[in-house]
Amino acid sequence: MIYMLLLFSITGNEVLTKVDSVMNAPKDREAKLITIVIDSKGKKKERETLLYQKGDWKLIRFLSPASDRGVGFLSLSEDQMYIYMPAFNRIRRIASHVKKQSFMDTDFSYDELGSSSYKEDWNAVIEKEDSSTFYLKLTPKPGNDSDYDVIKMIVKKPHFLIEKIEFYKKGTLKKVLTMENYKKINGFWTATTIKMVNVSKNHQTIMKMEEIKFNQGLPDDIFSKRNLKRY
């Protein structure tokens, strides 16, 4: 009864804070990602990458196919993102105007891939609620230069897990993100399948997480430009 009363009085921003807390509960994580990009004709391209994350820091390193092997992406903050291309043997900082562009031909932008929090940049209200779900509407806070002016988020009770996110621009649905196959690993809830659909391009990207590990004590120097070039 007490739990139900607390849920009844919760605000949209409080739900969003709890969502962020669940997503960022581990001190660090590492996983293998199988990424499948499917174009409008149904043609598939598969990649294998390694993901390392510690707080807001993320490092993604490509293992296959051979043409992408060694490519690395490092995100330290919204303003510090870097990509390493072995073919040119150089690290390039991602410029502000590039952050909204596609990352390696996937349906995720650099911004979307680097983001690990919503509460800092968005205000949320509860549009409706039932016994199992919160339906949130998010609008950007001042200073948020997102490509989207509205985000609609479906959050499942009681663990505050994101099920679906719809991204809108000027009233038009642009992308849909779904988070599926949640598993509790070492006490932490994590979606093991993440799908982003670009509605206008009829194009989608599916990420499957394997070999997930939490709280391994990842050293800070993993998340450095020097390490970005190592493979």
Protein backbone atom coordinates (compact mmCIF):
# COMPACT_ATOMS: atom_id res chain seq x y z
CA MET A 1 0.00 0.00 0.00
CA ILE A 2 2.80 2.44 0.91
CA TYR A 3 4.56 1.63 -2.37
CA MET A 4 1.42 2.36 -4.36
CA LEU A 5 0.95 5.71 -2.57
CA LEU A 6 4.53 6.68 -3.37
CA LEU A 7 4.02 5.83 -7.03
CA PHE A 8 0.78 7.80 -7.07
CA SER A 9 2.56 10.96 -5.91
CA ILE A 10 5.69 10.66 -8.03
CA THR A 11 6.44 13.32 -10.66
CA GLY A 12 7.72 12.88 -14.19
CA ASN A 13 11.13 14.28 -13.30
CA GLU A 14 11.35 11.90 -10.35
CA VAL A 15 10.60 8.96 -12.64
CA LEU A 16 13.33 10.18 -15.00
CA THR A 17 15.79 10.45 -12.11
CA LYS A 18 15.04 6.85 -11.13
CA VAL A 19 15.46 5.72 -14.75
CA ASP A 20 18.89 7.35 -14.84
CA SER A 21 19.80 5.77 -11.50
CA VAL A 22 18.97 2.29 -12.79
CA MET A 23 20.87 2.79 -16.05
CA ASN A 24 23.95 4.12 -14.27
CA ALA A 25 23.87 1.94 -11.15
CA PRO A 26 27.04 -0.07 -11.98
CA LYS A 27 30.35 1.69 -11.39
CA ASP A 28 31.59 0.26 -14.69
CA ARG A 29 30.60 -2.24 -17.34
CA GLU A 30 32.06 -4.10 -20.26
CA ALA A 31 30.36 -6.19 -22.93
CA LYS A 32 30.62 -7.56 -26.42
CA LEU A 33 28.14 -5.99 -28.84
CA ILE A 34 26.83 -7.68 -31.96
CA THR A 35 25.48 -4.83 -34.09
CA ILE A 36 23.25 -5.59 -37.07
CA VAL A 37 22.41 -2.78 -39.48
CA ILE A 38 19.42 -3.46 -41.76
CA ASP A 39 18.78 -1.13 -44.70
CA SER A 40 15.48 -0.33 -46.44
CA LYS A 41 15.92 -3.31 -48.78
CA GLY A 42 16.48 -5.74 -45.93
CA LYS A 43 20.22 -6.07 -46.53
CA LYS A 44 22.12 -6.78 -43.31
CA LYS A 45 25.60 -5.78 -42.19
CA GLU A 46 26.96 -7.25 -38.97
CA ARG A 47 29.72 -5.86 -36.77
CA GLU A 48 31.31 -7.00 -33.54
CA THR A 49 32.54 -4.46 -31.00
CA LEU A 50 33.70 -4.23 -27.41
CA LEU A 51 32.07 -1.72 -25.06
CA TYR A 52 33.67 -0.27 -21.95
CA GLN A 53 31.83 2.21 -19.73
CA LYS A 54 32.67 3.97 -16.49
CA GLY A 55 30.26 6.69 -15.40
CA ASP A 56 29.85 9.07 -18.35
CA TRP A 57 32.93 7.68 -20.11
CA LYS A 58 32.49 5.21 -22.96
CA LEU A 59 34.91 3.42 -25.25
CA ILE A 60 33.75 1.33 -28.21
CA ARG A 61 36.30 -0.69 -30.16
CA PHE A 62 35.52 -2.53 -33.41
CA LEU A 63 36.65 -6.14 -33.80
CA SER A 64 35.02 -7.11 -37.09
CA PRO A 65 34.54 -7.08 -40.03
CA ALA A 66 38.17 -6.69 -41.08
CA SER A 67 37.40 -3.38 -42.82
CA ASP A 68 36.35 -1.84 -39.48
CA ARG A 69 38.78 -3.62 -37.17
CA GLY A 70 40.58 -1.21 -34.86
CA VAL A 71 38.15 1.68 -35.29
CA GLY A 72 37.52 3.24 -31.90
CA PHE A 73 35.05 5.71 -30.39
CA LEU A 74 35.70 7.52 -27.12
CA SER A 75 33.11 9.66 -25.32
CA LEU A 76 34.21 11.56 -22.21
CA SER A 77 31.40 14.13 -22.14
CA GLU A 78 28.92 15.79 -24.48
CA ASP A 79 31.73 18.10 -25.64
CA GLN A 80 34.54 15.56 -25.76
CA MET A 81 34.02 12.79 -28.29
CA TYR A 82 36.74 11.24 -30.44
CA ILE A 83 36.99 8.67 -33.19
CA TYR A 84 40.09 6.78 -34.27
CA MET A 85 40.39 5.53 -37.85
CA PRO A 86 43.32 3.08 -38.27
CA ALA A 87 43.47 3.68 -42.02
CA PHE A 88 44.54 7.28 -41.35
CA ASN A 89 46.32 6.55 -38.04
CA ARG A 90 44.78 9.61 -36.49
CA ILE A 91 42.31 10.59 -33.80
CA ARG A 92 39.63 13.07 -34.81
CA ARG A 93 37.58 15.08 -32.36
CA ILE A 94 33.88 15.00 -33.20
CA ALA A 95 32.76 18.54 -34.04
CA SER A 96 29.47 19.84 -32.66
CA HIS A 97 27.71 19.77 -36.04
CA VAL A 98 28.77 16.15 -36.59
CA LYS A 99 27.36 14.81 -33.31
CA LYS A 100 23.86 14.56 -34.75
CA GLN A 101 25.07 12.55 -37.73
CA SER A 102 25.04 8.76 -38.06
CA PHE A 103 27.74 6.83 -36.23
CA MET A 104 29.42 4.35 -38.60
CA ASP A 105 26.29 4.04 -40.79
CA THR A 106 24.13 2.93 -37.85
CA ASP A 107 20.84 4.53 -36.81
CA PHE A 108 22.46 5.99 -33.70
CA SER A 109 23.98 9.45 -33.80
CA TYR A 110 27.20 10.22 -31.94
CA ASP A 111 25.09 12.14 -29.42
CA GLU A 112 22.72 9.21 -28.86
CA LEU A 113 25.57 6.75 -28.51
CA GLY A 114 27.44 8.92 -26.04
CA SER A 115 24.47 9.83 -23.86
CA SER A 116 24.00 8.02 -20.54
CA SER A 117 21.58 10.39 -18.77
CA TYR A 118 18.27 12.11 -19.46
CA LYS A 119 17.56 14.15 -16.33
CA GLU A 120 20.31 16.71 -16.99
CA ASP A 121 18.91 17.76 -20.38
CA TRP A 122 15.19 17.01 -20.27
CA ASN A 123 12.08 17.86 -18.26
CA ALA A 124 9.49 15.10 -17.94
CA VAL A 125 5.79 14.99 -17.21
CA ILE A 126 3.63 11.90 -16.77
CA GLU A 127 1.07 11.86 -19.59
CA LYS A 128 -0.63 8.76 -18.25
CA GLU A 129 0.02 5.85 -15.94
CA ASP A 130 -1.37 2.40 -15.31
CA SER A 131 -0.53 -0.40 -12.90
CA SER A 132 2.58 -1.48 -14.82
CA THR A 133 3.74 1.53 -16.82
CA PHE A 134 4.62 5.22 -16.82
CA TYR A 135 4.12 7.14 -20.07
CA LEU A 136 6.39 10.20 -20.06
CA LYS A 137 6.64 13.25 -22.28
CA LEU A 138 10.08 14.88 -22.28
CA THR A 139 10.87 18.40 -23.46
CA PRO A 140 14.36 19.92 -23.65
CA LYS A 141 15.73 22.07 -20.86
CA PRO A 142 17.26 25.46 -21.76
CA GLY A 143 20.65 24.93 -23.37
CA ASN A 144 19.78 21.47 -24.69
CA ASP A 145 20.60 21.56 -28.42
CA SER A 146 19.00 18.19 -29.17
CA ASP A 147 17.73 17.48 -32.65
CA TYR A 148 14.39 16.57 -31.07
CA ASP A 149 11.82 18.83 -29.43
CA VAL A 150 9.76 16.03 -27.85
CA ILE A 151 10.63 12.58 -26.57
CA LYS A 152 7.99 10.08 -25.47
CA MET A 153 9.23 7.39 -23.12
CA ILE A 154 7.56 4.23 -21.84
CA VAL A 155 8.93 3.12 -18.47
CA LYS A 156 8.00 -0.19 -16.85
CA LYS A 157 7.29 -0.54 -13.16
CA PRO A 158 8.42 -1.44 -10.57
CA HIS A 159 12.10 -1.29 -11.57
CA PHE A 160 11.96 1.87 -13.75
CA LEU A 161 13.18 0.15 -16.93
CA ILE A 162 12.90 1.89 -20.30
CA GLU A 163 10.82 -0.13 -22.73
CA LYS A 164 10.44 2.30 -25.62
CA ILE A 165 11.44 5.82 -26.64
CA GLU A 166 9.95 7.82 -29.51
CA PHE A 167 11.87 10.82 -30.85
CA TYR A 168 9.89 13.68 -32.43
CA LYS A 169 10.93 16.75 -34.40
CA LYS A 170 8.32 19.40 -35.20
CA GLY A 171 5.54 16.88 -34.58
CA THR A 172 7.02 14.19 -36.82
CA LEU A 173 8.16 10.85 -35.46
CA LYS A 174 11.81 10.44 -36.51
CA LYS A 175 13.15 7.44 -34.60
CA VAL A 176 11.96 4.70 -32.26
CA LEU A 177 14.22 3.02 -29.69
CA THR A 178 13.17 -0.21 -27.99
CA MET A 179 15.00 -1.93 -25.14
CA GLU A 180 14.23 -5.62 -24.80
CA ASN A 181 15.24 -8.88 -23.13
CA TYR A 182 16.09 -7.37 -19.76
CA LYS A 183 18.21 -9.54 -17.51
CA LYS A 184 19.37 -9.04 -13.94
CA ILE A 185 23.11 -9.60 -14.00
CA ASN A 186 25.07 -9.34 -10.75
CA GLY A 187 22.16 -7.40 -9.28
CA PHE A 188 21.87 -4.89 -12.15
CA TRP A 189 19.01 -4.74 -14.66
CA THR A 190 20.23 -4.37 -18.24
CA ALA A 191 18.59 -4.63 -21.66
CA THR A 192 20.44 -7.22 -23.72
CA THR A 193 18.77 -6.20 -27.00
CA ILE A 194 18.52 -2.58 -28.14
CA LYS A 195 16.87 -1.59 -31.41
CA MET A 196 16.82 1.82 -33.09
CA VAL A 197 14.52 2.35 -36.08
CA ASN A 198 14.87 5.37 -38.36
CA VAL A 199 11.24 5.79 -39.37
CA SER A 200 11.76 8.13 -42.32
CA LYS A 201 14.55 6.03 -43.86
CA ASN A 202 13.00 2.62 -43.08
CA HIS A 203 16.38 1.64 -41.67
CA GLN A 204 17.21 -0.04 -38.37
CA THR A 205 20.07 -1.04 -36.10
CA ILE A 206 19.94 -3.89 -33.59
CA MET A 207 22.51 -4.22 -30.82
CA LYS A 208 22.79 -7.48 -28.90
CA MET A 209 24.87 -7.45 -25.73
CA GLU A 210 26.84 -10.54 -24.73
CA GLU A 211 29.46 -11.40 -22.11
CA ILE A 212 28.27 -8.55 -19.89
CA LYS A 213 30.39 -7.78 -16.83
CA PHE A 214 29.84 -5.18 -14.13
CA ASN A 215 32.10 -3.54 -11.57
CA GLN A 216 35.35 -5.01 -12.86
CA GLY A 217 37.34 -2.04 -11.58
CA LEU A 218 38.16 -0.66 -15.02
CA PRO A 219 41.15 1.72 -14.78
CA ASP A 220 40.69 5.33 -15.87
CA ASP A 221 43.44 5.11 -18.50
CA ILE A 222 41.27 2.81 -20.61
CA PHE A 223 39.27 5.94 -21.42
CA SER A 224 42.11 7.94 -22.94
CA LYS A 225 43.08 9.08 -26.42
CA ARG A 226 46.32 7.14 -26.07
CA ASN A 227 44.43 3.91 -25.43
CA LEU A 228 42.01 4.71 -28.26
CA LYS A 229 44.84 4.07 -30.74
CA ARG A 230 45.97 0.83 -29.14
CA TYR A 231 44.80 -2.48 -30.43
